[in-house]
Amino acid sequence: MTISVAITWILFLGLFPIAFFWLRRAWRILVERDFSEVALKGGVSPADPEKFAPYAAAINLVAGGIVVAVVLMIVIGGVAYDIWSAIAGSTIWMKFLADYILRHHAHPTMWGKKKQAASKDRP
């Protein structure tokens, strides 16, 4: 067994928990209406997590669906290693990037005078 075979198996087996967690998160947001994991930044929810919930659900649902499709393509044997590893890797990175963008959109950074004025207004 070479190291590349071991890494291939690790990537393939890692797709199962990834798909499970992403699809479970989409289920919690869409069906259970649980917004506790929507756009967290530093463990803190945004001011209105329900506003960002559809976007978080879509990100998780699409990414989880792609990973499940990749697993099915691997099991059926209809796709080469280079193709499925590229699809899986790109999906993982795009999911992280989309979550990052959503998180920073949900928690806007205040710059300059606005930030100073907001801190003076606080008792």
PDB file of N, CA and C in Angstrom:
ATOM      1  N   MET A   1       0.852  -1.175   0.000  1.00  0.00           N
ATOM      2  CA  MET A   1       0.000   0.000   0.000  1.00  0.00           C
ATOM      3  C   MET A   1       0.903   1.246   0.000  1.00  0.00           C
ATOM      4  N   THR A   2       0.682   2.090  -0.960  1.00  0.00           N
ATOM      5  CA  THR A   2       1.473   3.310  -1.033  1.00  0.00           C
ATOM      6  C   THR A   2       0.765   4.431  -0.281  1.00  0.00           C
ATOM      7  N   ILE A   3       1.492   5.507  -0.082  1.00  0.00           N
ATOM      8  CA  ILE A   3       0.929   6.633   0.651  1.00  0.00           C
ATOM      9  C   ILE A   3      -0.228   7.275  -0.119  1.00  0.00           C
ATOM     10  N   SER A   4      -0.174   7.263  -1.439  1.00  0.00           N
ATOM     11  CA  SER A   4      -1.254   7.866  -2.219  1.00  0.00           C
ATOM     12  C   SER A   4      -2.564   7.073  -2.088  1.00  0.00           C
ATOM     13  N   VAL A   5      -2.462   5.767  -1.960  1.00  0.00           N
ATOM     14  CA  VAL A   5      -3.664   4.952  -1.755  1.00  0.00           C
ATOM     15  C   VAL A   5      -4.263   5.255  -0.384  1.00  0.00           C
ATOM     16  N   ALA A   6      -3.411   5.393   0.621  1.00  0.00           N
ATOM     17  CA  ALA A   6      -3.887   5.714   1.962  1.00  0.00           C
ATOM     18  C   ALA A   6      -4.571   7.083   1.989  1.00  0.00           C
ATOM     19  N   ILE A   7      -3.987   8.059   1.331  1.00  0.00           N
ATOM     20  CA  ILE A   7      -4.577   9.395   1.289  1.00  0.00           C
ATOM     21  C   ILE A   7      -5.894   9.379   0.525  1.00  0.00           C
ATOM     22  N   THR A   8      -5.968   8.592  -0.539  1.00  0.00           N
ATOM     23  CA  THR A   8      -7.206   8.460  -1.301  1.00  0.00           C
ATOM     24  C   THR A   8      -8.320   7.905  -0.424  1.00  0.00           C
ATOM     25  N   TRP A   9      -8.020   6.862   0.345  1.00  0.00           N
ATOM     26  CA  TRP A   9      -9.009   6.275   1.234  1.00  0.00           C
ATOM     27  C   TRP A   9      -9.416   7.241   2.347  1.00  0.00           C
ATOM     28  N   ILE A  10      -8.458   7.990   2.862  1.00  0.00           N
ATOM     29  CA  ILE A  10      -8.778   8.969   3.911  1.00  0.00           C
ATOM     30  C   ILE A  10      -9.720  10.036   3.355  1.00  0.00           C
ATOM     31  N   LEU A  11      -9.438  10.528   2.149  1.00  0.00           N
ATOM     32  CA  LEU A  11     -10.319  11.520   1.531  1.00  0.00           C
ATOM     33  C   LEU A  11     -11.701  10.930   1.277  1.00  0.00           C
ATOM     34  N   PHE A  12     -11.754   9.726   0.743  1.00  0.00           N
ATOM     35  CA  PHE A  12     -13.047   9.097   0.461  1.00  0.00           C
ATOM     36  C   PHE A  12     -13.850   8.874   1.737  1.00  0.00           C
ATOM     37  N   LEU A  13     -13.237   8.314   2.752  1.00  0.00           N
ATOM     38  CA  LEU A  13     -13.950   8.064   4.007  1.00  0.00           C
ATOM     39  C   LEU A  13     -14.313   9.361   4.728  1.00  0.00           C
ATOM     40  N   GLY A  14     -13.516  10.402   4.533  1.00  0.00           N
ATOM     41  CA  GLY A  14     -13.823  11.692   5.136  1.00  0.00           C
ATOM     42  C   GLY A  14     -15.032  12.369   4.525  1.00  0.00           C
ATOM     43  N   LEU A  15     -15.409  11.982   3.316  1.00  0.00           N
ATOM     44  CA  LEU A  15     -16.574  12.579   2.675  1.00  0.00           C
ATOM     45  C   LEU A  15     -17.878  12.223   3.386  1.00  0.00           C
ATOM     46  N   PHE A  16     -17.930  11.065   4.029  1.00  0.00           N
ATOM     47  CA  PHE A  16     -19.154  10.636   4.708  1.00  0.00           C
ATOM     48  C   PHE A  16     -19.515  11.542   5.882  1.00  0.00           C
ATOM     49  N   PRO A  17     -18.608  11.770   6.841  1.00  0.00           N
ATOM     50  CA  PRO A  17     -18.992  12.677   7.940  1.00  0.00           C
ATOM     51  C   PRO A  17     -19.182  14.124   7.480  1.00  0.00           C
ATOM     52  N   ILE A  18     -18.437  14.546   6.471  1.00  0.00           N
ATOM     53  CA  ILE A  18     -18.611  15.904   5.956  1.00  0.00           C
ATOM     54  C   ILE A  18     -20.027  16.076   5.425  1.00  0.00           C
ATOM     55  N   ALA A  19     -20.464  15.152   4.584  1.00  0.00           N
ATOM     56  CA  ALA A  19     -21.818  15.231   4.023  1.00  0.00           C
ATOM     57  C   ALA A  19     -22.869  15.152   5.127  1.00  0.00           C
ATOM     58  N   PHE A  20     -22.648  14.283   6.106  1.00  0.00           N
ATOM     59  CA  PHE A  20     -23.604  14.131   7.203  1.00  0.00           C
ATOM     60  C   PHE A  20     -23.769  15.441   7.971  1.00  0.00           C
ATOM     61  N   PHE A  21     -22.675  16.056   8.371  1.00  0.00           N
ATOM     62  CA  PHE A  21     -22.755  17.272   9.169  1.00  0.00           C
ATOM     63  C   PHE A  21     -23.347  18.439   8.386  1.00  0.00           C
ATOM     64  N   TRP A  22     -22.987  18.568   7.113  1.00  0.00           N
ATOM     65  CA  TRP A  22     -23.526  19.671   6.321  1.00  0.00           C
ATOM     66  C   TRP A  22     -25.017  19.494   6.053  1.00  0.00           C
ATOM     67  N   LEU A  23     -25.438  18.276   5.731  1.00  0.00           N
ATOM     68  CA  LEU A  23     -26.861  18.042   5.495  1.00  0.00           C
ATOM     69  C   LEU A  23     -27.664  18.128   6.792  1.00  0.00           C
ATOM     70  N   ARG A  24     -27.076  17.702   7.908  1.00  0.00           N
ATOM     71  CA  ARG A  24     -27.745  17.827   9.202  1.00  0.00           C
ATOM     72  C   ARG A  24     -27.927  19.294   9.569  1.00  0.00           C
ATOM     73  N   ARG A  25     -26.928  20.112   9.283  1.00  0.00           N
ATOM     74  CA  ARG A  25     -27.037  21.549   9.575  1.00  0.00           C
ATOM     75  C   ARG A  25     -28.135  22.175   8.716  1.00  0.00           C
ATOM     76  N   ALA A  26     -28.224  21.799   7.449  1.00  0.00           N
ATOM     77  CA  ALA A  26     -29.292  22.310   6.588  1.00  0.00           C
ATOM     78  C   ALA A  26     -30.656  21.865   7.104  1.00  0.00           C
ATOM     79  N   TRP A  27     -30.756  20.622   7.557  1.00  0.00           N
ATOM     80  CA  TRP A  27     -32.009  20.106   8.113  1.00  0.00           C
ATOM     81  C   TRP A  27     -32.419  20.902   9.349  1.00  0.00           C
ATOM     82  N   ARG A  28     -31.460  21.159  10.233  1.00  0.00           N
ATOM     83  CA  ARG A  28     -31.764  21.921  11.444  1.00  0.00           C
ATOM     84  C   ARG A  28     -32.259  23.325  11.124  1.00  0.00           C
ATOM     85  N   ILE A  29     -31.673  23.940  10.119  1.00  0.00           N
ATOM     86  CA  ILE A  29     -32.071  25.306   9.775  1.00  0.00           C
ATOM     87  C   ILE A  29     -33.433  25.315   9.083  1.00  0.00           C
ATOM     88  N   LEU A  30     -33.624  24.441   8.103  1.00  0.00           N
ATOM     89  CA  LEU A  30     -34.845  24.463   7.305  1.00  0.00           C
ATOM     90  C   LEU A  30     -36.050  23.851   8.001  1.00  0.00           C
ATOM     91  N   VAL A  31     -35.874  22.701   8.631  1.00  0.00           N
ATOM     92  CA  VAL A  31     -37.013  21.970   9.184  1.00  0.00           C
ATOM     93  C   VAL A  31     -37.229  22.291  10.658  1.00  0.00           C
ATOM     94  N   GLU A  32     -36.170  22.239  11.438  1.00  0.00           N
ATOM     95  CA  GLU A  32     -36.307  22.450  12.879  1.00  0.00           C
ATOM     96  C   GLU A  32     -36.289  23.928  13.267  1.00  0.00           C
ATOM     97  N   ARG A  33     -35.976  24.807  12.299  1.00  0.00           N
ATOM     98  CA  ARG A  33     -35.922  26.252  12.533  1.00  0.00           C
ATOM     99  C   ARG A  33     -34.965  26.614  13.672  1.00  0.00           C
ATOM    100  N   ASP A  34     -33.834  25.899  13.717  1.00  0.00           N
ATOM    101  CA  ASP A  34     -32.803  26.138  14.719  1.00  0.00           C
ATOM    102  C   ASP A  34     -31.714  27.005  14.088  1.00  0.00           C
ATOM    103  N   PHE A  35     -31.624  28.246  14.523  1.00  0.00           N
ATOM    104  CA  PHE A  35     -30.680  29.190  13.935  1.00  0.00           C
ATOM    105  C   PHE A  35     -29.447  29.396  14.806  1.00  0.00           C
ATOM    106  N   SER A  36     -29.198  28.481  15.705  1.00  0.00           N
ATOM    107  CA  SER A  36     -28.089  28.647  16.653  1.00  0.00           C
ATOM    108  C   SER A  36     -26.718  28.518  16.001  1.00  0.00           C
ATOM    109  N   GLU A  37     -26.630  27.924  14.813  1.00  0.00           N
ATOM    110  CA  GLU A  37     -25.341  27.761  14.148  1.00  0.00           C
ATOM    111  C   GLU A  37     -25.226  28.610  12.884  1.00  0.00           C
ATOM    112  N   VAL A  38     -26.090  29.592  12.730  1.00  0.00           N
ATOM    113  CA  VAL A  38     -26.105  30.420  11.527  1.00  0.00           C
ATOM    114  C   VAL A  38     -25.129  31.575  11.687  1.00  0.00           C
ATOM    115  N   ALA A  39     -24.142  31.643  10.804  1.00  0.00           N
ATOM    116  CA  ALA A  39     -23.208  32.772  10.698  1.00  0.00           C
ATOM    117  C   ALA A  39     -22.550  33.136  12.018  1.00  0.00           C
ATOM    118  N   LEU A  40     -22.073  32.148  12.744  1.00  0.00           N
ATOM    119  CA  LEU A  40     -21.394  32.414  14.005  1.00  0.00           C
ATOM    120  C   LEU A  40     -20.039  33.063  13.753  1.00  0.00           C
ATOM    121  N   LYS A  41     -19.730  34.059  14.553  1.00  0.00           N
ATOM    122  CA  LYS A  41     -18.414  34.697  14.500  1.00  0.00           C
ATOM    123  C   LYS A  41     -17.912  34.797  15.930  1.00  0.00           C
ATOM    124  N   GLY A  42     -16.893  34.028  16.223  1.00  0.00           N
ATOM    125  CA  GLY A  42     -16.384  33.986  17.590  1.00  0.00           C
ATOM    126  C   GLY A  42     -17.380  33.360  18.549  1.00  0.00           C
ATOM    127  N   GLY A  43     -18.226  32.475  18.037  1.00  0.00           N
ATOM    128  CA  GLY A  43     -19.223  31.810  18.862  1.00  0.00           C
ATOM    129  C   GLY A  43     -20.462  32.645  19.132  1.00  0.00           C
ATOM    130  N   VAL A  44     -20.559  33.823  18.508  1.00  0.00           N
ATOM    131  CA  VAL A  44     -21.679  34.731  18.731  1.00  0.00           C
ATOM    132  C   VAL A  44     -22.545  34.776  17.480  1.00  0.00           C
ATOM    133  N   SER A  45     -23.852  34.661  17.669  1.00  0.00           N
ATOM    134  CA  SER A  45     -24.796  34.750  16.555  1.00  0.00           C
ATOM    135  C   SER A  45     -24.936  36.203  16.103  1.00  0.00           C
ATOM    136  N   PRO A  46     -25.328  36.412  14.857  1.00  0.00           N
ATOM    137  CA  PRO A  46     -25.582  37.796  14.414  1.00  0.00           C
ATOM    138  C   PRO A  46     -26.829  38.352  15.088  1.00  0.00           C
ATOM    139  N   ALA A  47     -27.066  39.632  14.914  1.00  0.00           N
ATOM    140  CA  ALA A  47     -28.226  40.281  15.534  1.00  0.00           C
ATOM    141  C   ALA A  47     -29.540  39.648  15.078  1.00  0.00           C
ATOM    142  N   ASP A  48     -29.632  39.266  13.802  1.00  0.00           N
ATOM    143  CA  ASP A  48     -30.845  38.659  13.256  1.00  0.00           C
ATOM    144  C   ASP A  48     -30.471  37.389  12.497  1.00  0.00           C
ATOM    145  N   PRO A  49     -30.272  36.269  13.203  1.00  0.00           N
ATOM    146  CA  PRO A  49     -29.837  35.054  12.512  1.00  0.00           C
ATOM    147  C   PRO A  49     -30.869  34.508  11.529  1.00  0.00           C
ATOM    148  N   GLU A  50     -32.159  34.801  11.767  1.00  0.00           N
ATOM    149  CA  GLU A  50     -33.192  34.300  10.855  1.00  0.00           C
ATOM    150  C   GLU A  50     -33.055  34.929   9.468  1.00  0.00           C
ATOM    151  N   LYS A  51     -32.522  36.129   9.397  1.00  0.00           N
ATOM    152  CA  LYS A  51     -32.318  36.814   8.124  1.00  0.00           C
ATOM    153  C   LYS A  51     -31.288  36.084   7.261  1.00  0.00           C
ATOM    154  N   PHE A  52     -30.275  35.508   7.902  1.00  0.00           N
ATOM    155  CA  PHE A  52     -29.197  34.847   7.177  1.00  0.00           C
ATOM    156  C   PHE A  52     -29.381  33.328   7.083  1.00  0.00           C
ATOM    157  N   ALA A  53     -30.432  32.798   7.719  1.00  0.00           N
ATOM    158  CA  ALA A  53     -30.669  31.359   7.744  1.00  0.00           C
ATOM    159  C   ALA A  53     -30.884  30.747   6.356  1.00  0.00           C
ATOM    160  N   PRO A  54     -31.659  31.372   5.458  1.00  0.00           N
ATOM    161  CA  PRO A  54     -31.830  30.746   4.133  1.00  0.00           C
ATOM    162  C   PRO A  54     -30.516  30.603   3.373  1.00  0.00           C
ATOM    163  N   TYR A  55     -29.632  31.574   3.525  1.00  0.00           N
ATOM    164  CA  TYR A  55     -28.350  31.509   2.837  1.00  0.00           C
ATOM    165  C   TYR A  55     -27.468  30.408   3.428  1.00  0.00           C
ATOM    166  N   ALA A  56     -27.450  30.318   4.745  1.00  0.00           N
ATOM    167  CA  ALA A  56     -26.670  29.264   5.395  1.00  0.00           C
ATOM    168  C   ALA A  56     -27.220  27.891   5.035  1.00  0.00           C
ATOM    169  N   ALA A  57     -28.551  27.759   4.998  1.00  0.00           N
ATOM    170  CA  ALA A  57     -29.165  26.487   4.629  1.00  0.00           C
ATOM    171  C   ALA A  57     -28.822  26.115   3.190  1.00  0.00           C
ATOM    172  N   ALA A  58     -28.873  27.088   2.285  1.00  0.00           N
ATOM    173  CA  ALA A  58     -28.556  26.817   0.887  1.00  0.00           C
ATOM    174  C   ALA A  58     -27.104  26.400   0.717  1.00  0.00           C
ATOM    175  N   ILE A  59     -26.199  27.082   1.414  1.00  0.00           N
ATOM    176  CA  ILE A  59     -24.780  26.727   1.340  1.00  0.00           C
ATOM    177  C   ILE A  59     -24.574  25.294   1.795  1.00  0.00           C
ATOM    178  N   ASN A  60     -25.154  24.935   2.935  1.00  0.00           N
ATOM    179  CA  ASN A  60     -24.980  23.593   3.470  1.00  0.00           C
ATOM    180  C   ASN A  60     -25.670  22.538   2.624  1.00  0.00           C
ATOM    181  N   LEU A  61     -26.856  22.846   2.113  1.00  0.00           N
ATOM    182  CA  LEU A  61     -27.604  21.881   1.314  1.00  0.00           C
ATOM    183  C   LEU A  61     -26.913  21.608  -0.016  1.00  0.00           C
ATOM    184  N   VAL A  62     -26.456  22.645  -0.681  1.00  0.00           N
ATOM    185  CA  VAL A  62     -25.779  22.467  -1.972  1.00  0.00           C
ATOM    186  C   VAL A  62     -24.454  21.723  -1.781  1.00  0.00           C
ATOM    187  N   ALA A  63     -23.658  22.155  -0.812  1.00  0.00           N
ATOM    188  CA  ALA A  63     -22.365  21.501  -0.576  1.00  0.00           C
ATOM    189  C   ALA A  63     -22.552  20.048  -0.147  1.00  0.00           C
ATOM    190  N   GLY A  64     -23.492  19.785   0.744  1.00  0.00           N
ATOM    191  CA  GLY A  64     -23.759  18.406   1.160  1.00  0.00           C
ATOM    192  C   GLY A  64     -24.272  17.552   0.019  1.00  0.00           C
ATOM    193  N   GLY A  65     -25.125  18.122  -0.829  1.00  0.00           N
ATOM    194  CA  GLY A  65     -25.630  17.385  -1.984  1.00  0.00           C
ATOM    195  C   GLY A  65     -24.535  17.043  -2.981  1.00  0.00           C
ATOM    196  N   ILE A  66     -23.614  17.983  -3.193  1.00  0.00           N
ATOM    197  CA  ILE A  66     -22.502  17.706  -4.105  1.00  0.00           C
ATOM    198  C   ILE A  66     -21.625  16.595  -3.548  1.00  0.00           C
ATOM    199  N   VAL A  67     -21.360  16.622  -2.253  1.00  0.00           N
ATOM    200  CA  VAL A  67     -20.520  15.581  -1.649  1.00  0.00           C
ATOM    201  C   VAL A  67     -21.209  14.221  -1.738  1.00  0.00           C
ATOM    202  N   VAL A  68     -22.513  14.166  -1.514  1.00  0.00           N
ATOM    203  CA  VAL A  68     -23.237  12.900  -1.655  1.00  0.00           C
ATOM    204  C   VAL A  68     -23.180  12.416  -3.099  1.00  0.00           C
ATOM    205  N   ALA A  69     -23.320  13.327  -4.050  1.00  0.00           N
ATOM    206  CA  ALA A  69     -23.223  12.947  -5.472  1.00  0.00           C
ATOM    207  C   ALA A  69     -21.835  12.412  -5.799  1.00  0.00           C
ATOM    208  N   VAL A  70     -20.803  13.018  -5.237  1.00  0.00           N
ATOM    209  CA  VAL A  70     -19.436  12.526  -5.463  1.00  0.00           C
ATOM    210  C   VAL A  70     -19.274  11.124  -4.891  1.00  0.00           C
ATOM    211  N   VAL A  71     -19.790  10.887  -3.695  1.00  0.00           N
ATOM    212  CA  VAL A  71     -19.700   9.548  -3.098  1.00  0.00           C
ATOM    213  C   VAL A  71     -20.415   8.534  -3.977  1.00  0.00           C
ATOM    214  N   LEU A  72     -21.593   8.890  -4.473  1.00  0.00           N
ATOM    215  CA  LEU A  72     -22.322   7.966  -5.337  1.00  0.00           C
ATOM    216  C   LEU A  72     -21.575   7.705  -6.639  1.00  0.00           C
ATOM    217  N   MET A  73     -20.950   8.743  -7.199  1.00  0.00           N
ATOM    218  CA  MET A  73     -20.164   8.548  -8.421  1.00  0.00           C
ATOM    219  C   MET A  73     -18.972   7.636  -8.167  1.00  0.00           C
ATOM    220  N   ILE A  74     -18.363   7.762  -6.995  1.00  0.00           N
ATOM    221  CA  ILE A  74     -17.220   6.905  -6.661  1.00  0.00           C
ATOM    222  C   ILE A  74     -17.674   5.461  -6.520  1.00  0.00           C
ATOM    223  N   VAL A  75     -18.772   5.249  -5.810  1.00  0.00           N
ATOM    224  CA  VAL A  75     -19.271   3.887  -5.570  1.00  0.00           C
ATOM    225  C   VAL A  75     -19.692   3.225  -6.877  1.00  0.00           C
ATOM    226  N   ILE A  76     -20.348   3.975  -7.732  1.00  0.00           N
ATOM    227  CA  ILE A  76     -20.762   3.433  -9.028  1.00  0.00           C
ATOM    228  C   ILE A  76     -19.544   3.182  -9.911  1.00  0.00           C
ATOM    229  N   GLY A  77     -18.500   3.957  -9.700  1.00  0.00           N
ATOM    230  CA  GLY A  77     -17.277   3.767 -10.466  1.00  0.00           C
ATOM    231  C   GLY A  77     -17.244   4.526 -11.769  1.00  0.00           C
ATOM    232  N   GLY A  78     -18.055   5.534 -11.879  1.00  0.00           N
ATOM    233  CA  GLY A  78     -18.138   6.254 -13.127  1.00  0.00           C
ATOM    234  C   GLY A  78     -17.238   7.465 -13.234  1.00  0.00           C
ATOM    235  N   VAL A  79     -16.326   7.635 -12.291  1.00  0.00           N
ATOM    236  CA  VAL A  79     -15.499   8.838 -12.336  1.00  0.00           C
ATOM    237  C   VAL A  79     -14.080   8.498 -11.863  1.00  0.00           C
ATOM    238  N   ALA A  80     -13.109   9.119 -12.494  1.00  0.00           N
ATOM    239  CA  ALA A  80     -11.705   8.864 -12.159  1.00  0.00           C
ATOM    240  C   ALA A  80     -11.319   9.606 -10.880  1.00  0.00           C
ATOM    241  N   TYR A  81     -10.225   9.178 -10.272  1.00  0.00           N
ATOM    242  CA  TYR A  81      -9.756   9.766  -9.021  1.00  0.00           C
ATOM    243  C   TYR A  81      -9.498  11.262  -9.168  1.00  0.00           C
ATOM    244  N   ASP A  82      -8.839  11.666 -10.232  1.00  0.00           N
ATOM    245  CA  ASP A  82      -8.516  13.078 -10.423  1.00  0.00           C
ATOM    246  C   ASP A  82      -9.773  13.943 -10.446  1.00  0.00           C
ATOM    247  N   ILE A  83     -10.821  13.435 -11.055  1.00  0.00           N
ATOM    248  CA  ILE A  83     -12.057  14.204 -11.183  1.00  0.00           C
ATOM    249  C   ILE A  83     -12.767  14.312  -9.840  1.00  0.00           C
ATOM    250  N   TRP A  84     -13.000  13.163  -9.177  1.00  0.00           N
ATOM    251  CA  TRP A  84     -13.762  13.235  -7.937  1.00  0.00           C
ATOM    252  C   TRP A  84     -12.997  13.930  -6.830  1.00  0.00           C
ATOM    253  N   SER A  85     -11.686  13.802  -6.785  1.00  0.00           N
ATOM    254  CA  SER A  85     -10.934  14.501  -5.744  1.00  0.00           C
ATOM    255  C   SER A  85     -10.942  16.010  -6.001  1.00  0.00           C
ATOM    256  N   ALA A  86     -10.936  16.414  -7.270  1.00  0.00           N
ATOM    257  CA  ALA A  86     -11.021  17.835  -7.596  1.00  0.00           C
ATOM    258  C   ALA A  86     -12.391  18.398  -7.230  1.00  0.00           C
ATOM    259  N   ILE A  87     -13.452  17.643  -7.532  1.00  0.00           N
ATOM    260  CA  ILE A  87     -14.805  18.099  -7.185  1.00  0.00           C
ATOM    261  C   ILE A  87     -14.960  18.187  -5.676  1.00  0.00           C
ATOM    262  N   ALA A  88     -14.519  17.158  -4.958  1.00  0.00           N
ATOM    263  CA  ALA A  88     -14.651  17.149  -3.502  1.00  0.00           C
ATOM    264  C   ALA A  88     -13.828  18.266  -2.869  1.00  0.00           C
ATOM    265  N   GLY A  89     -12.598  18.416  -3.297  1.00  0.00           N
ATOM    266  CA  GLY A  89     -11.745  19.460  -2.736  1.00  0.00           C
ATOM    267  C   GLY A  89     -12.270  20.854  -3.020  1.00  0.00           C
ATOM    268  N   SER A  90     -12.723  21.080  -4.239  1.00  0.00           N
ATOM    269  CA  SER A  90     -13.280  22.392  -4.589  1.00  0.00           C
ATOM    270  C   SER A  90     -14.553  22.683  -3.804  1.00  0.00           C
ATOM    271  N   THR A  91     -15.372  21.664  -3.603  1.00  0.00           N
ATOM    272  CA  THR A  91     -16.601  21.840  -2.839  1.00  0.00           C
ATOM    273  C   THR A  91     -16.290  22.212  -1.396  1.00  0.00           C
ATOM    274  N   ILE A  92     -15.344  21.523  -0.799  1.00  0.00           N
ATOM    275  CA  ILE A  92     -14.980  21.811   0.586  1.00  0.00           C
ATOM    276  C   ILE A  92     -14.472  23.250   0.716  1.00  0.00           C
ATOM    277  N   TRP A  93     -13.566  23.650  -0.175  1.00  0.00           N
ATOM    278  CA  TRP A  93     -13.019  25.004  -0.105  1.00  0.00           C
ATOM    279  C   TRP A  93     -14.083  26.058  -0.388  1.00  0.00           C
ATOM    280  N   MET A  94     -14.965  25.813  -1.345  1.00  0.00           N
ATOM    281  CA  MET A  94     -16.003  26.790  -1.660  1.00  0.00           C
ATOM    282  C   MET A  94     -17.009  26.907  -0.515  1.00  0.00           C
ATOM    283  N   LYS A  95     -17.286  25.809   0.162  1.00  0.00           N
ATOM    284  CA  LYS A  95     -18.180  25.850   1.330  1.00  0.00           C
ATOM    285  C   LYS A  95     -17.562  26.701   2.429  1.00  0.00           C
ATOM    286  N   PHE A  96     -16.273  26.498   2.698  1.00  0.00           N
ATOM    287  CA  PHE A  96     -15.602  27.302   3.720  1.00  0.00           C
ATOM    288  C   PHE A  96     -15.595  28.779   3.329  1.00  0.00           C
ATOM    289  N   LEU A  97     -15.346  29.072   2.066  1.00  0.00           N
ATOM    290  CA  LEU A  97     -15.315  30.449   1.593  1.00  0.00           C
ATOM    291  C   LEU A  97     -16.709  31.084   1.680  1.00  0.00           C
ATOM    292  N   ALA A  98     -17.732  30.360   1.284  1.00  0.00           N
ATOM    293  CA  ALA A  98     -19.104  30.880   1.353  1.00  0.00           C
ATOM    294  C   ALA A  98     -19.519  31.128   2.802  1.00  0.00           C
ATOM    295  N   ASP A  99     -19.169  30.222   3.709  1.00  0.00           N
ATOM    296  CA  ASP A  99     -19.463  30.430   5.125  1.00  0.00           C
ATOM    297  C   ASP A  99     -18.729  31.658   5.664  1.00  0.00           C
ATOM    298  N   TYR A 100     -17.496  31.845   5.245  1.00  0.00           N
ATOM    299  CA  TYR A 100     -16.708  32.998   5.672  1.00  0.00           C
ATOM    300  C   TYR A 100     -17.359  34.296   5.198  1.00  0.00           C
ATOM    301  N   ILE A 101     -17.776  34.321   3.944  1.00  0.00           N
ATOM    302  CA  ILE A 101     -18.419  35.515   3.398  1.00  0.00           C
ATOM    303  C   ILE A 101     -19.730  35.802   4.123  1.00  0.00           C
ATOM    304  N   LEU A 102     -20.531  34.779   4.347  1.00  0.00           N
ATOM    305  CA  LEU A 102     -21.797  34.964   5.050  1.00  0.00           C
ATOM    306  C   LEU A 102     -21.566  35.439   6.477  1.00  0.00           C
ATOM    307  N   ARG A 103     -20.598  34.862   7.146  1.00  0.00           N
ATOM    308  CA  ARG A 103     -20.294  35.236   8.534  1.00  0.00           C
ATOM    309  C   ARG A 103     -19.880  36.699   8.625  1.00  0.00           C
ATOM    310  N   HIS A 104     -19.046  37.150   7.700  1.00  0.00           N
ATOM    311  CA  HIS A 104     -18.591  38.528   7.753  1.00  0.00           C
ATOM    312  C   HIS A 104     -19.652  39.508   7.246  1.00  0.00           C
ATOM    313  N   HIS A 105     -20.558  39.042   6.450  1.00  0.00           N
ATOM    314  CA  HIS A 105     -21.678  39.889   6.041  1.00  0.00           C
ATOM    315  C   HIS A 105     -22.682  40.035   7.188  1.00  0.00           C
ATOM    316  N   ALA A 106     -22.847  38.979   7.966  1.00  0.00           N
ATOM    317  CA  ALA A 106     -23.794  39.007   9.082  1.00  0.00           C
ATOM    318  C   ALA A 106     -23.263  39.806  10.269  1.00  0.00           C
ATOM    319  N   HIS A 107     -21.955  39.910  10.385  1.00  0.00           N
ATOM    320  CA  HIS A 107     -21.319  40.673  11.462  1.00  0.00           C
ATOM    321  C   HIS A 107     -20.500  41.798  10.830  1.00  0.00           C
ATOM    322  N   PRO A 108     -21.147  42.892  10.429  1.00  0.00           N
ATOM    323  CA  PRO A 108     -20.401  43.955   9.748  1.00  0.00           C
ATOM    324  C   PRO A 108     -19.401  44.625  10.686  1.00  0.00           C
ATOM    325  N   THR A 109     -18.299  45.033  10.111  1.00  0.00           N
ATOM    326  CA  THR A 109     -17.271  45.735  10.863  1.00  0.00           C
ATOM    327  C   THR A 109     -17.537  47.230  10.762  1.00  0.00           C
ATOM    328  N   MET A 110     -17.547  47.882  11.908  1.00  0.00           N
ATOM    329  CA  MET A 110     -17.751  49.326  11.927  1.00  0.00           C
ATOM    330  C   MET A 110     -16.384  50.006  11.888  1.00  0.00           C
ATOM    331  N   TRP A 111     -16.247  50.989  11.022  1.00  0.00           N
ATOM    332  CA  TRP A 111     -14.977  51.683  10.843  1.00  0.00           C
ATOM    333  C   TRP A 111     -15.108  53.144  11.255  1.00  0.00           C
ATOM    334  N   GLY A 112     -14.034  53.713  11.694  1.00  0.00           N
ATOM    335  CA  GLY A 112     -13.896  55.148  11.890  1.00  0.00           C
ATOM    336  C   GLY A 112     -14.827  55.781  12.892  1.00  0.00           C
ATOM    337  N   LYS A 113     -15.460  56.898  12.494  1.00  0.00           N
ATOM    338  CA  LYS A 113     -16.267  57.708  13.394  1.00  0.00           C
ATOM    339  C   LYS A 113     -17.511  56.981  13.883  1.00  0.00           C
ATOM    340  N   LYS A 114     -18.078  56.132  13.057  1.00  0.00           N
ATOM    341  CA  LYS A 114     -19.263  55.383  13.476  1.00  0.00           C
ATOM    342  C   LYS A 114     -18.953  54.538  14.695  1.00  0.00           C
ATOM    343  N   LYS A 115     -17.804  53.894  14.685  1.00  0.00           N
ATOM    344  CA  LYS A 115     -17.409  53.028  15.796  1.00  0.00           C
ATOM    345  C   LYS A 115     -17.168  53.870  17.049  1.00  0.00           C
ATOM    346  N   GLN A 116     -16.526  55.021  16.898  1.00  0.00           N
ATOM    347  CA  GLN A 116     -16.250  55.875  18.040  1.00  0.00           C
ATOM    348  C   GLN A 116     -17.552  56.443  18.608  1.00  0.00           C
ATOM    349  N   ALA A 117     -18.480  56.831  17.742  1.00  0.00           N
ATOM    350  CA  ALA A 117     -19.760  57.369  18.190  1.00  0.00           C
ATOM    351  C   ALA A 117     -20.580  56.302  18.895  1.00  0.00           C
ATOM    352  N   ALA A 118     -20.546  55.082  18.387  1.00  0.00           N
ATOM    353  CA  ALA A 118     -21.309  53.994  19.015  1.00  0.00           C
ATOM    354  C   ALA A 118     -20.738  53.664  20.391  1.00  0.00           C
ATOM    355  N   SER A 119     -19.429  53.737  20.550  1.00  0.00           N
ATOM    356  CA  SER A 119     -18.830  53.435  21.856  1.00  0.00           C
ATOM    357  C   SER A 119     -19.096  54.555  22.852  1.00  0.00           C
ATOM    358  N   LYS A 120     -19.252  55.817  22.395  1.00  0.00           N
ATOM    359  CA  LYS A 120     -19.566  56.933  23.297  1.00  0.00           C
ATOM    360  C   LYS A 120     -21.006  56.900  23.756  1.00  0.00           C
ATOM    361  N   ASP A 121     -21.904  56.354  22.908  1.00  0.00           N
ATOM    362  CA  ASP A 121     -23.319  56.289  23.259  1.00  0.00           C
ATOM    363  C   ASP A 121     -23.597  55.265  24.333  1.00  0.00           C
ATOM    364  N   ARG A 122     -22.744  54.328  24.491  1.00  0.00           N
ATOM    365  CA  ARG A 122     -22.960  53.272  25.505  1.00  0.00           C
ATOM    366  C   ARG A 122     -22.723  53.848  26.898  1.00  0.00           C
ATOM    367  N   PRO A 123     -23.523  53.423  27.865  1.00  0.00           N
ATOM    368  CA  PRO A 123     -23.330  53.927  29.245  1.00  0.00           C
ATOM    369  C   PRO A 123     -22.128  53.300  29.903  1.00  0.00           C
TER     370      PRO A 123
END
